[in-house]
Amino acid sequence: MEKFDARKLPRDAQDEMRRQTMRMREELKLFWKAIAKVVGVHVSTVIGWSKRYSMEGSKGLKSEGAWSPLFVGADADFGSGMAIALDHRG
């Protein structure tokens, strides 16, 4: 299966993909590389999902939303300002 940008999917579809990934691992005992191939994402992506699932349970599989930096200070172009992460979750 060809890899695609899973971030372009609707959030509920992303969440379901992550849940299915964990089910494939737990119920079918598939290797991460095989699961990544089936789902169509990079193996490091599914391993990241697994780490979040291990730490937070099913709550860790929900979409996180977008974060973007906001620079505060006199000269943000050259890094003399302070970066603040903004939460743009829907």
C-alpha atoms as a PDB file:
ATOM      1  CA  MET A   1       0.000   0.000   0.000  1.00  0.00           C
ATOM      2  CA  GLU A   2       1.251   3.472  -0.842  1.00  0.00           C
ATOM      3  CA  LYS A   3       2.056   5.820   2.018  1.00  0.00           C
ATOM      4  CA  PHE A   4      -0.045   8.957   2.387  1.00  0.00           C
ATOM      5  CA  ASP A   5      -0.279  11.901   4.732  1.00  0.00           C
ATOM      6  CA  ALA A   6      -2.616  10.635   7.452  1.00  0.00           C
ATOM      7  CA  ARG A   7      -2.804  14.169   8.874  1.00  0.00           C
ATOM      8  CA  LYS A   8      -5.063  15.097   5.953  1.00  0.00           C
ATOM      9  CA  LEU A   9      -7.758  12.679   7.113  1.00  0.00           C
ATOM     10  CA  PRO A  10     -10.629  13.910   9.300  1.00  0.00           C
ATOM     11  CA  ARG A  11      -9.812  13.609  13.003  1.00  0.00           C
ATOM     12  CA  ASP A  12     -12.311  10.817  13.629  1.00  0.00           C
ATOM     13  CA  ALA A  13     -10.751   8.807  10.777  1.00  0.00           C
ATOM     14  CA  GLN A  14      -7.273   9.398  12.237  1.00  0.00           C
ATOM     15  CA  ASP A  15      -8.464   8.228  15.646  1.00  0.00           C
ATOM     16  CA  GLU A  16     -10.041   5.090  14.156  1.00  0.00           C
ATOM     17  CA  MET A  17      -6.849   4.311  12.230  1.00  0.00           C
ATOM     18  CA  ARG A  18      -4.870   4.477  15.465  1.00  0.00           C
ATOM     19  CA  ARG A  19      -7.381   2.224  17.275  1.00  0.00           C
ATOM     20  CA  GLN A  20      -7.229  -0.327  14.446  1.00  0.00           C
ATOM     21  CA  THR A  21      -3.449  -0.219  14.558  1.00  0.00           C
ATOM     22  CA  MET A  22      -3.418  -1.119  18.249  1.00  0.00           C
ATOM     23  CA  ARG A  23      -5.974  -3.893  17.664  1.00  0.00           C
ATOM     24  CA  MET A  24      -3.782  -5.368  14.897  1.00  0.00           C
ATOM     25  CA  ARG A  25      -0.870  -5.424  17.309  1.00  0.00           C
ATOM     26  CA  GLU A  26      -2.767  -6.826  20.304  1.00  0.00           C
ATOM     27  CA  GLU A  27      -5.099  -9.315  18.590  1.00  0.00           C
ATOM     28  CA  LEU A  28      -3.151 -10.382  15.498  1.00  0.00           C
ATOM     29  CA  LYS A  29       0.348  -9.974  17.011  1.00  0.00           C
ATOM     30  CA  LEU A  30       1.609  -8.320  13.802  1.00  0.00           C
ATOM     31  CA  PHE A  31       5.002  -6.637  13.634  1.00  0.00           C
ATOM     32  CA  TRP A  32       5.044  -2.811  13.548  1.00  0.00           C
ATOM     33  CA  LYS A  33       6.474  -2.852  10.023  1.00  0.00           C
ATOM     34  CA  ALA A  34       3.609  -5.024   8.752  1.00  0.00           C
ATOM     35  CA  ILE A  35       1.015  -2.828  10.473  1.00  0.00           C
ATOM     36  CA  ALA A  36       2.580   0.313   8.992  1.00  0.00           C
ATOM     37  CA  LYS A  37       2.395  -1.233   5.535  1.00  0.00           C
ATOM     38  CA  VAL A  38      -1.283  -2.163   5.953  1.00  0.00           C
ATOM     39  CA  VAL A  39      -2.239   1.245   7.350  1.00  0.00           C
ATOM     40  CA  GLY A  40      -0.085   3.100   4.816  1.00  0.00           C
ATOM     41  CA  VAL A  41       2.096   5.167   7.135  1.00  0.00           C
ATOM     42  CA  HIS A  42       5.757   5.024   8.176  1.00  0.00           C
ATOM     43  CA  VAL A  43       6.733   2.493  10.822  1.00  0.00           C
ATOM     44  CA  SER A  44       7.946   5.279  13.123  1.00  0.00           C
ATOM     45  CA  THR A  45       4.421   6.716  13.028  1.00  0.00           C
ATOM     46  CA  VAL A  46       2.804   3.534  14.361  1.00  0.00           C
ATOM     47  CA  ILE A  47       5.539   3.156  16.964  1.00  0.00           C
ATOM     48  CA  GLY A  48       4.799   6.706  18.132  1.00  0.00           C
ATOM     49  CA  TRP A  49       1.108   5.854  18.374  1.00  0.00           C
ATOM     50  CA  SER A  50       2.023   2.778  20.412  1.00  0.00           C
ATOM     51  CA  LYS A  51       4.099   4.811  22.855  1.00  0.00           C
ATOM     52  CA  ARG A  52       1.235   7.250  23.394  1.00  0.00           C
ATOM     53  CA  TYR A  53      -1.170   4.318  23.832  1.00  0.00           C
ATOM     54  CA  SER A  54       1.167   2.713  26.392  1.00  0.00           C
ATOM     55  CA  MET A  55       1.417   5.938  28.389  1.00  0.00           C
ATOM     56  CA  GLU A  56      -2.153   7.254  28.104  1.00  0.00           C
ATOM     57  CA  GLY A  57      -4.331   4.337  27.048  1.00  0.00           C
ATOM     58  CA  SER A  58      -7.086   4.937  24.491  1.00  0.00           C
ATOM     59  CA  LYS A  59      -7.026   8.655  25.349  1.00  0.00           C
ATOM     60  CA  GLY A  60      -3.553   8.777  23.785  1.00  0.00           C
ATOM     61  CA  LEU A  61      -4.949   7.703  20.417  1.00  0.00           C
ATOM     62  CA  LYS A  62      -7.132  10.781  20.003  1.00  0.00           C
ATOM     63  CA  SER A  63      -6.029  13.496  17.600  1.00  0.00           C
ATOM     64  CA  GLU A  64      -3.825  16.079  19.217  1.00  0.00           C
ATOM     65  CA  GLY A  65      -4.625  19.037  17.001  1.00  0.00           C
ATOM     66  CA  ALA A  66      -2.241  21.582  15.556  1.00  0.00           C
ATOM     67  CA  TRP A  67       0.345  23.560  17.472  1.00  0.00           C
ATOM     68  CA  SER A  68       2.094  26.597  16.061  1.00  0.00           C
ATOM     69  CA  PRO A  69       4.688  28.955  17.480  1.00  0.00           C
ATOM     70  CA  LEU A  70       3.912  32.561  18.338  1.00  0.00           C
ATOM     71  CA  PHE A  71       6.983  34.748  18.664  1.00  0.00           C
ATOM     72  CA  VAL A  72       6.965  37.497  21.243  1.00  0.00           C
ATOM     73  CA  GLY A  73       9.761  40.017  21.353  1.00  0.00           C
ATOM     74  CA  ALA A  74      11.463  42.793  19.445  1.00  0.00           C
ATOM     75  CA  ASP A  75      13.179  40.668  16.813  1.00  0.00           C
ATOM     76  CA  ALA A  76      11.361  37.355  16.328  1.00  0.00           C
ATOM     77  CA  ASP A  77      12.982  36.762  12.896  1.00  0.00           C
ATOM     78  CA  PHE A  78      16.365  36.202  14.493  1.00  0.00           C
ATOM     79  CA  GLY A  79      15.261  34.263  17.543  1.00  0.00           C
ATOM     80  CA  SER A  80      15.732  37.010  20.090  1.00  0.00           C
ATOM     81  CA  GLY A  81      12.044  36.774  20.942  1.00  0.00           C
ATOM     82  CA  MET A  82      10.364  34.082  22.993  1.00  0.00           C
ATOM     83  CA  ALA A  83       8.367  31.326  21.266  1.00  0.00           C
ATOM     84  CA  ILE A  84       5.016  30.342  22.753  1.00  0.00           C
ATOM     85  CA  ALA A  85       3.071  27.297  21.507  1.00  0.00           C
ATOM     86  CA  LEU A  86      -0.562  27.959  20.734  1.00  0.00           C
ATOM     87  CA  ASP A  87      -3.134  25.208  20.813  1.00  0.00           C
ATOM     88  CA  HIS A  88      -5.390  25.277  17.734  1.00  0.00           C
ATOM     89  CA  ARG A  89      -7.451  22.202  18.620  1.00  0.00           C
ATOM     90  CA  GLY A  90     -10.969  22.155  17.333  1.00  0.00           C
END
